[in-house]
Amino acid sequence: MNWTVYLSGEIHTDWRQKIMQGAKDHGLAIKFTSAVTEHEASDAAGDVLGKDDNGFWRDH
């Protein structure tokens, strides 16, 4: 059986890499997905919608 696991949570540590490496080390059939983990790219996710005049949502 194959699993798809979404790893959500804070982006400032390497916990995702540790989980993915552990699954690989144990030969588990898991496909991992997650949110954007690069801070600048995460903050800029809404830029495709246009300019935000007050900037509040940039980091919230």
N, C-alpha and C. Protein backbone atom coordinates (compact mmCIF):
# COMPACT_ATOMS: atom_id res chain seq x y z
N MET A 1 0.85 -1.18 0.00
CA MET A 1 0.00 0.00 0.00
C MET A 1 0.89 1.24 0.00
N ASN A 2 0.54 2.20 -0.83
CA ASN A 2 1.25 3.47 -0.88
C ASN A 2 0.46 4.52 -0.11
N TRP A 3 1.16 5.38 0.58
CA TRP A 3 0.54 6.45 1.35
C TRP A 3 1.02 7.79 0.81
N THR A 4 0.14 8.80 0.88
CA THR A 4 0.53 10.18 0.63
C THR A 4 0.32 10.92 1.93
N VAL A 5 1.37 11.58 2.41
CA VAL A 5 1.32 12.25 3.71
C VAL A 5 1.66 13.73 3.51
N TYR A 6 0.78 14.60 4.00
CA TYR A 6 0.98 16.04 3.94
C TYR A 6 1.62 16.49 5.25
N LEU A 7 2.79 17.09 5.17
CA LEU A 7 3.51 17.55 6.36
C LEU A 7 3.28 19.05 6.54
N SER A 8 2.36 19.40 7.43
CA SER A 8 2.08 20.82 7.68
C SER A 8 2.70 21.22 9.01
N GLY A 9 2.95 22.50 9.16
CA GLY A 9 3.50 23.00 10.41
C GLY A 9 4.59 24.02 10.16
N GLU A 10 5.31 24.33 11.20
CA GLU A 10 6.32 25.39 11.13
C GLU A 10 7.40 25.07 10.09
N ILE A 11 8.02 26.14 9.56
CA ILE A 11 8.96 25.97 8.45
C ILE A 11 10.40 26.30 8.83
N HIS A 12 10.69 26.49 10.10
CA HIS A 12 12.00 26.99 10.50
C HIS A 12 12.99 25.91 10.93
N THR A 13 12.56 24.67 11.02
CA THR A 13 13.47 23.58 11.39
C THR A 13 13.41 22.48 10.34
N ASP A 14 14.24 21.46 10.51
CA ASP A 14 14.34 20.40 9.50
C ASP A 14 13.52 19.16 9.83
N TRP A 15 12.45 19.31 10.59
CA TRP A 15 11.68 18.14 11.02
C TRP A 15 11.11 17.37 9.83
N ARG A 16 10.75 18.06 8.74
CA ARG A 16 10.22 17.36 7.56
C ARG A 16 11.28 16.42 6.96
N GLN A 17 12.50 16.93 6.83
CA GLN A 17 13.57 16.12 6.26
C GLN A 17 13.85 14.89 7.12
N LYS A 18 13.78 15.06 8.44
CA LYS A 18 14.01 13.92 9.35
C LYS A 18 12.94 12.85 9.17
N ILE A 19 11.70 13.26 9.04
CA ILE A 19 10.60 12.30 8.84
C ILE A 19 10.75 11.61 7.49
N MET A 20 11.03 12.38 6.45
CA MET A 20 11.17 11.78 5.12
C MET A 20 12.36 10.81 5.07
N GLN A 21 13.47 11.18 5.71
CA GLN A 21 14.63 10.30 5.73
C GLN A 21 14.34 9.03 6.53
N GLY A 22 13.63 9.17 7.64
CA GLY A 22 13.26 8.00 8.44
C GLY A 22 12.38 7.03 7.66
N ALA A 23 11.43 7.57 6.92
CA ALA A 23 10.56 6.71 6.10
C ALA A 23 11.38 6.00 5.03
N LYS A 24 12.29 6.73 4.41
CA LYS A 24 13.15 6.14 3.38
C LYS A 24 14.03 5.05 3.98
N ASP A 25 14.63 5.33 5.14
CA ASP A 25 15.51 4.37 5.81
C ASP A 25 14.79 3.07 6.15
N HIS A 26 13.49 3.17 6.40
CA HIS A 26 12.70 1.99 6.76
C HIS A 26 11.97 1.38 5.57
N GLY A 27 12.22 1.91 4.38
CA GLY A 27 11.64 1.35 3.17
C GLY A 27 10.13 1.53 3.06
N LEU A 28 9.60 2.59 3.66
CA LEU A 28 8.16 2.83 3.64
C LEU A 28 7.74 3.49 2.32
N ALA A 29 6.64 3.04 1.76
CA ALA A 29 6.13 3.57 0.49
C ALA A 29 5.26 4.79 0.77
N ILE A 30 5.92 5.92 1.01
CA ILE A 30 5.22 7.15 1.35
C ILE A 30 5.66 8.27 0.42
N LYS A 31 4.68 8.97 -0.16
CA LYS A 31 4.93 10.17 -0.94
C LYS A 31 4.60 11.35 -0.02
N PHE A 32 5.56 12.21 0.21
CA PHE A 32 5.36 13.35 1.10
C PHE A 32 5.08 14.61 0.30
N THR A 33 4.14 15.41 0.80
CA THR A 33 3.85 16.72 0.25
C THR A 33 3.82 17.70 1.41
N SER A 34 3.93 18.98 1.11
CA SER A 34 3.89 19.98 2.18
C SER A 34 3.60 21.35 1.59
N ALA A 35 3.42 22.27 2.48
CA ALA A 35 3.23 23.67 2.08
C ALA A 35 4.56 24.21 1.57
N VAL A 36 4.55 25.43 1.05
CA VAL A 36 5.78 26.09 0.65
C VAL A 36 6.61 26.32 1.92
N THR A 37 7.84 25.84 1.92
CA THR A 37 8.65 25.92 3.13
C THR A 37 9.74 26.98 3.07
N GLU A 38 9.91 27.65 1.93
CA GLU A 38 10.86 28.75 1.86
C GLU A 38 10.10 30.01 2.30
N HIS A 39 10.60 30.68 3.35
CA HIS A 39 9.85 31.76 3.99
C HIS A 39 9.45 32.87 3.00
N GLU A 40 10.37 33.35 2.20
CA GLU A 40 10.05 34.43 1.25
C GLU A 40 8.98 34.00 0.25
N ALA A 41 9.09 32.79 -0.26
CA ALA A 41 8.10 32.29 -1.22
C ALA A 41 6.74 32.12 -0.55
N SER A 42 6.76 31.71 0.71
CA SER A 42 5.52 31.54 1.46
C SER A 42 4.82 32.89 1.65
N ASP A 43 5.60 33.90 2.04
CA ASP A 43 5.04 35.24 2.23
C ASP A 43 4.50 35.81 0.92
N ALA A 44 5.10 35.41 -0.20
CA ALA A 44 4.73 35.96 -1.50
C ALA A 44 3.63 35.16 -2.20
N ALA A 45 3.06 34.19 -1.53
CA ALA A 45 2.08 33.30 -2.16
C ALA A 45 0.89 34.06 -2.76
N GLY A 46 0.48 35.14 -2.15
CA GLY A 46 -0.68 35.89 -2.64
C GLY A 46 -0.35 36.93 -3.70
N ASP A 47 0.91 37.07 -4.04
CA ASP A 47 1.31 38.09 -5.01
C ASP A 47 0.63 37.93 -6.37
N VAL A 48 0.27 36.71 -6.72
CA VAL A 48 -0.39 36.48 -8.02
C VAL A 48 -1.76 37.16 -8.07
N LEU A 49 -2.31 37.49 -6.91
CA LEU A 49 -3.63 38.13 -6.85
C LEU A 49 -3.55 39.64 -7.03
N GLY A 50 -2.34 40.20 -7.02
CA GLY A 50 -2.17 41.63 -7.19
C GLY A 50 -1.53 42.27 -5.98
N LYS A 51 -1.26 43.56 -6.09
CA LYS A 51 -0.57 44.29 -5.04
C LYS A 51 -1.48 44.47 -3.82
N ASP A 52 -0.91 44.25 -2.65
CA ASP A 52 -1.62 44.47 -1.38
C ASP A 52 -1.17 45.82 -0.85
N ASP A 53 -2.09 46.78 -0.79
CA ASP A 53 -1.71 48.14 -0.43
C ASP A 53 -1.22 48.31 1.00
N ASN A 54 -1.72 47.52 1.95
CA ASN A 54 -1.28 47.74 3.33
C ASN A 54 -0.27 46.71 3.82
N GLY A 55 -0.07 45.62 3.11
CA GLY A 55 0.95 44.65 3.48
C GLY A 55 0.64 43.76 4.67
N PHE A 56 -0.52 43.92 5.29
CA PHE A 56 -0.85 43.14 6.48
C PHE A 56 -0.77 41.64 6.23
N TRP A 57 -1.33 41.19 5.11
CA TRP A 57 -1.41 39.76 4.84
C TRP A 57 -0.10 39.16 4.35
N ARG A 58 0.91 39.98 4.14
CA ARG A 58 2.19 39.48 3.63
C ARG A 58 2.79 38.42 4.56
N ASP A 59 2.68 38.58 5.85
CA ASP A 59 3.28 37.63 6.79
C ASP A 59 2.27 37.14 7.83
N HIS A 60 1.00 37.11 7.46
CA HIS A 60 -0.03 36.64 8.40
C HIS A 60 -0.80 35.50 7.79
